[in-house]
PDB file of N, CA and C in Angstrom:
ATOM      1  N   MET A   1     143.283  44.055-113.550  1.00  0.00           N
ATOM      2  CA  MET A   1     143.226  42.656-113.235  1.00  0.00           C
ATOM      3  C   MET A   1     142.263  41.920-114.169  1.00  0.00           C
ATOM      4  N   ARG A   2     141.405  42.608-114.825  1.00  0.00           N
ATOM      5  CA  ARG A   2     140.481  41.929-115.739  1.00  0.00           C
ATOM      6  C   ARG A   2     141.209  41.266-116.895  1.00  0.00           C
ATOM      7  N   ALA A   3     142.391  41.767-117.232  1.00  0.00           N
ATOM      8  CA  ALA A   3     143.134  41.232-118.369  1.00  0.00           C
ATOM      9  C   ALA A   3     144.163  40.176-117.943  1.00  0.00           C
ATOM     10  N   ALA A   4     144.226  39.863-116.662  1.00  0.00           N
ATOM     11  CA  ALA A   4     145.217  38.896-116.188  1.00  0.00           C
ATOM     12  C   ALA A   4     144.867  37.496-116.679  1.00  0.00           C
ATOM     13  N   PRO A   5     145.896  36.690-116.980  1.00  0.00           N
ATOM     14  CA  PRO A   5     145.622  35.321-117.413  1.00  0.00           C
ATOM     15  C   PRO A   5     144.987  34.515-116.280  1.00  0.00           C
ATOM     16  N   GLU A   6     144.196  33.519-116.659  1.00  0.00           N
ATOM     17  CA  GLU A   6     143.548  32.676-115.658  1.00  0.00           C
ATOM     18  C   GLU A   6     144.609  31.895-114.883  1.00  0.00           C
ATOM     19  N   CYS A   7     144.382  31.741-113.610  1.00  0.00           N
ATOM     20  CA  CYS A   7     145.315  31.030-112.744  1.00  0.00           C
ATOM     21  C   CYS A   7     145.315  29.540-113.091  1.00  0.00           C
ATOM     22  N   PRO A   8     146.493  28.904-113.149  1.00  0.00           N
ATOM     23  CA  PRO A   8     146.539  27.464-113.455  1.00  0.00           C
ATOM     24  C   PRO A   8     145.784  26.649-112.409  1.00  0.00           C
ATOM     25  N   LYS A   9     145.160  25.570-112.816  1.00  0.00           N
ATOM     26  CA  LYS A   9     144.340  24.767-111.917  1.00  0.00           C
ATOM     27  C   LYS A   9     145.018  23.476-111.462  1.00  0.00           C
ATOM     28  N   GLU A  10     146.104  23.068-112.113  1.00  0.00           N
ATOM     29  CA  GLU A  10     146.755  21.818-111.731  1.00  0.00           C
ATOM     30  C   GLU A  10     147.602  22.007-110.463  1.00  0.00           C
ATOM     31  N   ASP A  11     147.902  20.883-109.795  1.00  0.00           N
ATOM     32  CA  ASP A  11     148.758  20.921-108.616  1.00  0.00           C
ATOM     33  C   ASP A  11     150.166  21.333-109.017  1.00  0.00           C
ATOM     34  N   ARG A  12     150.811  22.101-108.162  1.00  0.00           N
ATOM     35  CA  ARG A  12     152.176  22.536-108.410  1.00  0.00           C
ATOM     36  C   ARG A  12     152.960  22.489-107.110  1.00  0.00           C
ATOM     37  N   SER A  13     154.248  22.342-107.230  1.00  0.00           N
ATOM     38  CA  SER A  13     155.124  22.376-106.061  1.00  0.00           C
ATOM     39  C   SER A  13     155.444  23.826-105.723  1.00  0.00           C
ATOM     40  N   VAL A  14     155.554  24.096-104.442  1.00  0.00           N
ATOM     41  CA  VAL A  14     155.923  25.429-103.980  1.00  0.00           C
ATOM     42  C   VAL A  14     157.109  25.274-103.045  1.00  0.00           C
ATOM     43  N   ILE A  15     158.148  26.035-103.282  1.00  0.00           N
ATOM     44  CA  ILE A  15     159.321  26.020-102.418  1.00  0.00           C
ATOM     45  C   ILE A  15     159.361  27.361-101.690  1.00  0.00           C
ATOM     46  N   LEU A  16     159.325  27.307-100.376  1.00  0.00           N
ATOM     47  CA  LEU A  16     159.356  28.521 -99.566  1.00  0.00           C
ATOM     48  C   LEU A  16     160.644  28.557 -98.759  1.00  0.00           C
ATOM     49  N   MET A  17     161.295  29.694 -98.757  1.00  0.00           N
ATOM     50  CA  MET A  17     162.504  29.875 -97.965  1.00  0.00           C
ATOM     51  C   MET A  17     162.110  29.974 -96.486  1.00  0.00           C
ATOM     52  N   PRO A  18     163.032  29.654 -95.570  1.00  0.00           N
ATOM     53  CA  PRO A  18     162.695  29.657 -94.142  1.00  0.00           C
ATOM     54  C   PRO A  18     162.092  30.967 -93.647  1.00  0.00           C
ATOM     55  N   GLY A  19     162.611  32.102 -94.099  1.00  0.00           N
ATOM     56  CA  GLY A  19     162.095  33.385 -93.616  1.00  0.00           C
ATOM     57  C   GLY A  19     160.617  33.574 -93.883  1.00  0.00           C
ATOM     58  N   ILE A  20     160.153  33.180 -95.056  1.00  0.00           N
ATOM     59  CA  ILE A  20     158.736  33.337 -95.373  1.00  0.00           C
ATOM     60  C   ILE A  20     157.904  32.328 -94.596  1.00  0.00           C
ATOM     61  N   MET A  21     158.480  31.163 -94.292  1.00  0.00           N
ATOM     62  CA  MET A  21     157.762  30.182 -93.480  1.00  0.00           C
ATOM     63  C   MET A  21     157.566  30.691 -92.060  1.00  0.00           C
ATOM     64  N   TYR A  22     158.606  31.336 -91.497  1.00  0.00           N
ATOM     65  CA  TYR A  22     158.461  31.918 -90.159  1.00  0.00           C
ATOM     66  C   TYR A  22     157.359  32.965 -90.164  1.00  0.00           C
ATOM     67  N   LEU A  23     157.375  33.814 -91.170  1.00  0.00           N
ATOM     68  CA  LEU A  23     156.374  34.873 -91.270  1.00  0.00           C
ATOM     69  C   LEU A  23     154.974  34.290 -91.431  1.00  0.00           C
ATOM     70  N   GLN A  24     154.813  33.340 -92.339  1.00  0.00           N
ATOM     71  CA  GLN A  24     153.498  32.750 -92.583  1.00  0.00           C
ATOM     72  C   GLN A  24     152.972  32.029 -91.349  1.00  0.00           C
ATOM     73  N   THR A  25     153.848  31.307 -90.660  1.00  0.00           N
ATOM     74  CA  THR A  25     153.432  30.617 -89.439  1.00  0.00           C
ATOM     75  C   THR A  25     152.990  31.621 -88.387  1.00  0.00           C
ATOM     76  N   HIS A  26     153.741  32.703 -88.247  1.00  0.00           N
ATOM     77  CA  HIS A  26     153.368  33.737 -87.275  1.00  0.00           C
ATOM     78  C   HIS A  26     152.022  34.372 -87.638  1.00  0.00           C
ATOM     79  N   GLU A  27     151.856  34.709 -88.899  1.00  0.00           N
ATOM     80  CA  GLU A  27     150.609  35.344 -89.318  1.00  0.00           C
ATOM     81  C   GLU A  27     149.412  34.406 -89.144  1.00  0.00           C
ATOM     82  N   THR A  28     149.609  33.122 -89.465  1.00  0.00           N
ATOM     83  CA  THR A  28     148.509  32.163 -89.429  1.00  0.00           C
ATOM     84  C   THR A  28     148.187  31.676 -88.024  1.00  0.00           C
ATOM     85  N   ILE A  29     149.204  31.362 -87.254  1.00  0.00           N
ATOM     86  CA  ILE A  29     148.987  30.783 -85.927  1.00  0.00           C
ATOM     87  C   ILE A  29     149.281  31.790 -84.822  1.00  0.00           C
ATOM     88  N   GLY A  30     150.385  32.494 -84.948  1.00  0.00           N
ATOM     89  CA  GLY A  30     150.857  33.372 -83.874  1.00  0.00           C
ATOM     90  C   GLY A  30     149.899  34.478 -83.486  1.00  0.00           C
ATOM     91  N   HIS A  31     149.388  35.224 -84.455  1.00  0.00           N
ATOM     92  CA  HIS A  31     148.513  36.347 -84.123  1.00  0.00           C
ATOM     93  C   HIS A  31     147.271  35.902 -83.365  1.00  0.00           C
ATOM     94  N   ALA A  32     146.691  34.788 -83.763  1.00  0.00           N
ATOM     95  CA  ALA A  32     145.472  34.317 -83.081  1.00  0.00           C
ATOM     96  C   ALA A  32     145.732  33.930 -81.634  1.00  0.00           C
ATOM     97  N   LEU A  33     146.977  33.597 -81.291  1.00  0.00           N
ATOM     98  CA  LEU A  33     147.315  33.170 -79.931  1.00  0.00           C
ATOM     99  C   LEU A  33     147.894  34.283 -79.070  1.00  0.00           C
ATOM    100  N   GLU A  34     147.963  35.500 -79.598  1.00  0.00           N
ATOM    101  CA  GLU A  34     148.470  36.621 -78.810  1.00  0.00           C
ATOM    102  C   GLU A  34     147.403  37.045 -77.803  1.00  0.00           C
ATOM    103  N   LEU A  35     147.803  37.111 -76.538  1.00  0.00           N
ATOM    104  CA  LEU A  35     146.843  37.359 -75.463  1.00  0.00           C
ATOM    105  C   LEU A  35     146.110  38.689 -75.625  1.00  0.00           C
ATOM    106  N   ASP A  36     146.798  39.742 -76.103  1.00  0.00           N
ATOM    107  CA  ASP A  36     146.108  41.017 -76.262  1.00  0.00           C
ATOM    108  C   ASP A  36     144.965  40.904 -77.271  1.00  0.00           C
ATOM    109  N   ARG A  37     145.108  40.074 -78.284  1.00  0.00           N
ATOM    110  CA  ARG A  37     144.009  39.871 -79.236  1.00  0.00           C
ATOM    111  C   ARG A  37     142.908  39.024 -78.622  1.00  0.00           C
ATOM    112  N   ILE A  38     143.291  37.981 -77.897  1.00  0.00           N
ATOM    113  CA  ILE A  38     142.302  37.105 -77.266  1.00  0.00           C
ATOM    114  C   ILE A  38     141.444  37.904 -76.285  1.00  0.00           C
ATOM    115  N   LEU A  39     142.071  38.815 -75.543  1.00  0.00           N
ATOM    116  CA  LEU A  39     141.340  39.620 -74.562  1.00  0.00           C
ATOM    117  C   LEU A  39     140.629  40.812 -75.189  1.00  0.00           C
ATOM    118  N   GLY A  40     140.804  41.026 -76.496  1.00  0.00           N
ATOM    119  CA  GLY A  40     140.093  42.092 -77.189  1.00  0.00           C
ATOM    120  C   GLY A  40     140.769  43.440 -77.165  1.00  0.00           C
ATOM    121  N   TYR A  41     142.027  43.534 -76.695  1.00  0.00           N
ATOM    122  CA  TYR A  41     142.722  44.818 -76.612  1.00  0.00           C
ATOM    123  C   TYR A  41     143.151  45.351 -77.974  1.00  0.00           C
ATOM    124  N   GLU A  42     143.205  44.510 -78.987  1.00  0.00           N
ATOM    125  CA  GLU A  42     143.684  44.902 -80.312  1.00  0.00           C
ATOM    126  C   GLU A  42     142.543  45.178 -81.289  1.00  0.00           C
ATOM    127  N   LEU A  43     141.313  45.106 -80.857  1.00  0.00           N
ATOM    128  CA  LEU A  43     140.173  45.196 -81.771  1.00  0.00           C
ATOM    129  C   LEU A  43     140.209  46.431 -82.658  1.00  0.00           C
ATOM    130  N   ALA A  44     140.572  47.575 -82.109  1.00  0.00           N
ATOM    131  CA  ALA A  44     140.567  48.813 -82.887  1.00  0.00           C
ATOM    132  C   ALA A  44     141.793  48.935 -83.795  1.00  0.00           C
ATOM    133  N   PHE A  45     142.837  48.167 -83.524  1.00  0.00           N
ATOM    134  CA  PHE A  45     144.079  48.314 -84.277  1.00  0.00           C
ATOM    135  C   PHE A  45     144.291  47.183 -85.283  1.00  0.00           C
ATOM    136  N   ALA A  46     144.319  45.963 -84.812  1.00  0.00           N
ATOM    137  CA  ALA A  46     144.697  44.845 -85.687  1.00  0.00           C
ATOM    138  C   ALA A  46     143.666  43.717 -85.684  1.00  0.00           C
ATOM    139  N   GLY A  47     142.611  43.845 -84.936  1.00  0.00           N
ATOM    140  CA  GLY A  47     141.592  42.799 -84.922  1.00  0.00           C
ATOM    141  C   GLY A  47     141.702  41.898 -83.712  1.00  0.00           C
ATOM    142  N   GLY A  48     140.705  41.043 -83.570  1.00  0.00           N
ATOM    143  CA  GLY A  48     140.649  40.140 -82.434  1.00  0.00           C
ATOM    144  C   GLY A  48     141.128  38.753 -82.802  1.00  0.00           C
ATOM    145  N   SER A  49     140.622  37.783 -82.090  1.00  0.00           N
ATOM    146  CA  SER A  49     141.010  36.398 -82.300  1.00  0.00           C
ATOM    147  C   SER A  49     139.796  35.505 -82.115  1.00  0.00           C
ATOM    148  N   PHE A  50     139.773  34.387 -82.830  1.00  0.00           N
ATOM    149  CA  PHE A  50     138.718  33.404 -82.630  1.00  0.00           C
ATOM    150  C   PHE A  50     139.033  32.520 -81.427  1.00  0.00           C
ATOM    151  N   VAL A  51     140.255  32.603 -80.908  1.00  0.00           N
ATOM    152  CA  VAL A  51     140.685  31.798 -79.774  1.00  0.00           C
ATOM    153  C   VAL A  51     140.166  32.428 -78.490  1.00  0.00           C
ATOM    154  N   THR A  52     139.739  31.597 -77.551  1.00  0.00           N
ATOM    155  CA  THR A  52     139.329  32.077 -76.229  1.00  0.00           C
ATOM    156  C   THR A  52     140.279  31.490 -75.188  1.00  0.00           C
ATOM    157  N   LEU A  53     140.231  32.025 -73.983  1.00  0.00           N
ATOM    158  CA  LEU A  53     141.082  31.490 -72.916  1.00  0.00           C
ATOM    159  C   LEU A  53     140.770  30.023 -72.648  1.00  0.00           C
ATOM    160  N   ASN A  54     139.525  29.620 -72.850  1.00  0.00           N
ATOM    161  CA  ASN A  54     139.141  28.222 -72.627  1.00  0.00           C
ATOM    162  C   ASN A  54     139.727  27.277 -73.664  1.00  0.00           C
ATOM    163  N   ASP A  55     140.206  27.804 -74.782  1.00  0.00           N
ATOM    164  CA  ASP A  55     140.780  26.969 -75.838  1.00  0.00           C
ATOM    165  C   ASP A  55     142.187  26.460 -75.517  1.00  0.00           C
ATOM    166  N   PHE A  56     142.887  27.119 -74.583  1.00  0.00           N
ATOM    167  CA  PHE A  56     144.267  26.726 -74.293  1.00  0.00           C
ATOM    168  C   PHE A  56     144.323  25.298 -73.784  1.00  0.00           C
ATOM    169  N   GLY A  57     145.202  24.525 -74.386  1.00  0.00           N
ATOM    170  CA  GLY A  57     145.374  23.136 -74.017  1.00  0.00           C
ATOM    171  C   GLY A  57     144.483  22.172 -74.775  1.00  0.00           C
ATOM    172  N   SER A  58     143.516  22.713 -75.553  1.00  0.00           N
ATOM    173  CA  SER A  58     142.620  21.808 -76.280  1.00  0.00           C
ATOM    174  C   SER A  58     142.414  22.195 -77.743  1.00  0.00           C
ATOM    175  N   LEU A  59     142.716  23.422 -78.120  1.00  0.00           N
ATOM    176  CA  LEU A  59     142.519  23.865 -79.502  1.00  0.00           C
ATOM    177  C   LEU A  59     143.493  23.154 -80.436  1.00  0.00           C
ATOM    178  N   ARG A  60     142.993  22.644 -81.551  1.00  0.00           N
ATOM    179  CA  ARG A  60     143.848  21.974 -82.537  1.00  0.00           C
ATOM    180  C   ARG A  60     143.889  22.810 -83.808  1.00  0.00           C
ATOM    181  N   TYR A  61     145.103  23.101 -84.244  1.00  0.00           N
ATOM    182  CA  TYR A  61     145.331  23.772 -85.525  1.00  0.00           C
ATOM    183  C   TYR A  61     145.706  22.702 -86.528  1.00  0.00           C
ATOM    184  N   GLY A  62     145.028  22.638 -87.633  1.00  0.00           N
ATOM    185  CA  GLY A  62     145.427  21.719 -88.695  1.00  0.00           C
ATOM    186  C   GLY A  62     145.255  20.262 -88.320  1.00  0.00           C
ATOM    187  N   SER A  63     145.976  19.415 -89.020  1.00  0.00           N
ATOM    188  CA  SER A  63     145.872  17.967 -88.822  1.00  0.00           C
ATOM    189  C   SER A  63     146.759  17.527 -87.657  1.00  0.00           C
ATOM    190  N   PRO A  64     146.582  16.299 -87.195  1.00  0.00           N
ATOM    191  CA  PRO A  64     147.452  15.781 -86.133  1.00  0.00           C
ATOM    192  C   PRO A  64     148.924  15.703 -86.572  1.00  0.00           C
ATOM    193  N   ARG A  65     149.199  15.810 -87.855  1.00  0.00           N
ATOM    194  CA  ARG A  65     150.577  15.765 -88.359  1.00  0.00           C
ATOM    195  C   ARG A  65     151.304  17.097 -88.180  1.00  0.00           C
ATOM    196  N   LEU A  66     150.574  18.159 -87.815  1.00  0.00           N
ATOM    197  CA  LEU A  66     151.169  19.487 -87.652  1.00  0.00           C
ATOM    198  C   LEU A  66     151.744  19.637 -86.249  1.00  0.00           C
ATOM    199  N   THR A  67     152.984  20.069 -86.177  1.00  0.00           N
ATOM    200  CA  THR A  67     153.607  20.420 -84.907  1.00  0.00           C
ATOM    201  C   THR A  67     154.138  21.837 -85.044  1.00  0.00           C
ATOM    202  N   ALA A  68     153.725  22.722 -84.172  1.00  0.00           N
ATOM    203  CA  ALA A  68     154.212  24.106 -84.203  1.00  0.00           C
ATOM    204  C   ALA A  68     154.626  24.495 -82.794  1.00  0.00           C
ATOM    205  N   ARG A  69     155.827  25.028 -82.678  1.00  0.00           N
ATOM    206  CA  ARG A  69     156.330  25.464 -81.378  1.00  0.00           C
ATOM    207  C   ARG A  69     156.888  26.868 -81.514  1.00  0.00           C
ATOM    208  N   ALA A  70     156.768  27.639 -80.450  1.00  0.00           N
ATOM    209  CA  ALA A  70     157.380  28.965 -80.406  1.00  0.00           C
ATOM    210  C   ALA A  70     158.011  29.125 -79.035  1.00  0.00           C
ATOM    211  N   ASP A  71     159.303  29.013 -78.986  1.00  0.00           N
ATOM    212  CA  ASP A  71     160.028  29.154 -77.731  1.00  0.00           C
ATOM    213  C   ASP A  71     161.330  29.894 -78.002  1.00  0.00           C
ATOM    214  N   ALA A  72     161.289  31.193 -77.869  1.00  0.00           N
ATOM    215  CA  ALA A  72     162.456  32.026 -78.175  1.00  0.00           C
ATOM    216  C   ALA A  72     163.587  31.828 -77.175  1.00  0.00           C
ATOM    217  N   THR A  73     163.355  31.039 -76.117  1.00  0.00           N
ATOM    218  CA  THR A  73     164.438  30.772 -75.169  1.00  0.00           C
ATOM    219  C   THR A  73     165.352  29.657 -75.667  1.00  0.00           C
ATOM    220  N   LEU A  74     164.930  28.923 -76.708  1.00  0.00           N
ATOM    221  CA  LEU A  74     165.784  27.881 -77.275  1.00  0.00           C
ATOM    222  C   LEU A  74     166.827  28.524 -78.184  1.00  0.00           C
ATOM    223  N   PRO A  75     168.077  28.116 -78.072  1.00  0.00           N
ATOM    224  CA  PRO A  75     169.121  28.756 -78.885  1.00  0.00           C
ATOM    225  C   PRO A  75     168.925  28.574 -80.388  1.00  0.00           C
ATOM    226  N   THR A  76     168.197  27.548 -80.803  1.00  0.00           N
ATOM    227  CA  THR A  76     168.001  27.316 -82.233  1.00  0.00           C
ATOM    228  C   THR A  76     166.745  27.984 -82.785  1.00  0.00           C
ATOM    229  N   HIS A  77     165.994  28.672 -81.946  1.00  0.00           N
ATOM    230  CA  HIS A  77     164.766  29.337 -82.390  1.00  0.00           C
ATOM    231  C   HIS A  77     165.115  30.574 -83.211  1.00  0.00           C
ATOM    232  N   PRO A  78     164.368  30.841 -84.298  1.00  0.00           N
ATOM    233  CA  PRO A  78     164.679  32.002 -85.152  1.00  0.00           C
ATOM    234  C   PRO A  78     164.697  33.337 -84.413  1.00  0.00           C
ATOM    235  N   ALA A  79     163.918  33.460 -83.338  1.00  0.00           N
ATOM    236  CA  ALA A  79     163.856  34.732 -82.620  1.00  0.00           C
ATOM    237  C   ALA A  79     164.825  34.786 -81.446  1.00  0.00           C
ATOM    238  N   ALA A  80     165.591  33.736 -81.239  1.00  0.00           N
ATOM    239  CA  ALA A  80     166.498  33.692 -80.088  1.00  0.00           C
ATOM    240  C   ALA A  80     167.679  34.644 -80.277  1.00  0.00           C
ATOM    241  N   SER A  81     168.105  35.217 -79.185  1.00  0.00           N
ATOM    242  CA  SER A  81     169.304  36.053 -79.180  1.00  0.00           C
ATOM    243  C   SER A  81     169.910  35.978 -77.794  1.00  0.00           C
ATOM    244  N   ALA A  82     171.116  36.449 -77.652  1.00  0.00           N
ATOM    245  CA  ALA A  82     171.754  36.431 -76.335  1.00  0.00           C
ATOM    246  C   ALA A  82     170.935  37.232 -75.329  1.00  0.00           C
ATOM    247  N   THR A  83     170.382  38.352 -75.762  1.00  0.00           N
ATOM    248  CA  THR A  83     169.580  39.186 -74.865  1.00  0.00           C
ATOM    249  C   THR A  83     168.344  38.440 -74.411  1.00  0.00           C
ATOM    250  N   MET A  84     167.643  37.796 -75.349  1.00  0.00           N
ATOM    251  CA  MET A  84     166.429  37.080 -74.982  1.00  0.00           C
ATOM    252  C   MET A  84     166.754  35.898 -74.076  1.00  0.00           C
ATOM    253  N   THR A  85     167.845  35.210 -74.346  1.00  0.00           N
ATOM    254  CA  THR A  85     168.225  34.072 -73.525  1.00  0.00           C
ATOM    255  C   THR A  85     168.537  34.538 -72.109  1.00  0.00           C
ATOM    256  N   MET A  86     169.270  35.645 -71.972  1.00  0.00           N
ATOM    257  CA  MET A  86     169.575  36.175 -70.647  1.00  0.00           C
ATOM    258  C   MET A  86     168.296  36.617 -69.957  1.00  0.00           C
ATOM    259  N   ALA A  87     167.382  37.232 -70.681  1.00  0.00           N
ATOM    260  CA  ALA A  87     166.153  37.739 -70.078  1.00  0.00           C
ATOM    261  C   ALA A  87     165.256  36.607 -69.617  1.00  0.00           C
ATOM    262  N   SER A  88     165.395  35.426 -70.203  1.00  0.00           N
ATOM    263  CA  SER A  88     164.505  34.325 -69.860  1.00  0.00           C
ATOM    264  C   SER A  88     164.948  33.587 -68.600  1.00  0.00           C
ATOM    265  N   ARG A  89     166.154  33.880 -68.114  1.00  0.00           N
ATOM    266  CA  ARG A  89     166.632  33.212 -66.919  1.00  0.00           C
ATOM    267  C   ARG A  89     165.855  33.705 -65.699  1.00  0.00           C
ATOM    268  N   PRO A  90     165.600  32.808 -64.737  1.00  0.00           N
ATOM    269  CA  PRO A  90     164.882  33.233 -63.530  1.00  0.00           C
ATOM    270  C   PRO A  90     165.632  34.337 -62.801  1.00  0.00           C
ATOM    271  N   ARG A  91     164.880  35.281 -62.303  1.00  0.00           N
ATOM    272  CA  ARG A  91     165.486  36.401 -61.564  1.00  0.00           C
ATOM    273  C   ARG A  91     164.913  36.465 -60.153  1.00  0.00           C
ATOM    274  N   THR A  92     165.703  36.949 -59.239  1.00  0.00           N
ATOM    275  CA  THR A  92     165.215  37.167 -57.893  1.00  0.00           C
ATOM    276  C   THR A  92     164.484  38.514 -57.863  1.00  0.00           C
ATOM    277  N   THR A  93     163.292  38.509 -57.309  1.00  0.00           N
ATOM    278  CA  THR A  93     162.533  39.761 -57.223  1.00  0.00           C
ATOM    279  C   THR A  93     162.356  40.155 -55.773  1.00  0.00           C
ATOM    280  N   CYS A  94     162.263  41.447 -55.532  1.00  0.00           N
ATOM    281  CA  CYS A  94     162.088  41.951 -54.174  1.00  0.00           C
ATOM    282  C   CYS A  94     160.642  42.233 -53.900  1.00  0.00           C
TER     283      CYS A  94
END
């Protein structure tokens, strides 16, 4: 790496395909909001989270212009499938 050319300093456009955007959003926002990380269950495996239970409903990621949603029960969500949609329906429990 010592022989690598210096990285350009000017602004450049970046075009990202949807798949990499889903991945980047999950890595950046999703992991920090996973309850097992918030509760410290992942510390030995994948790390913890800066988010606490008290942050829910008030924590702001990024600017007010950012909107991020994750709802796999919506048919247009990248993670949606017939199985997940069926599983999300209310069930009667005994």
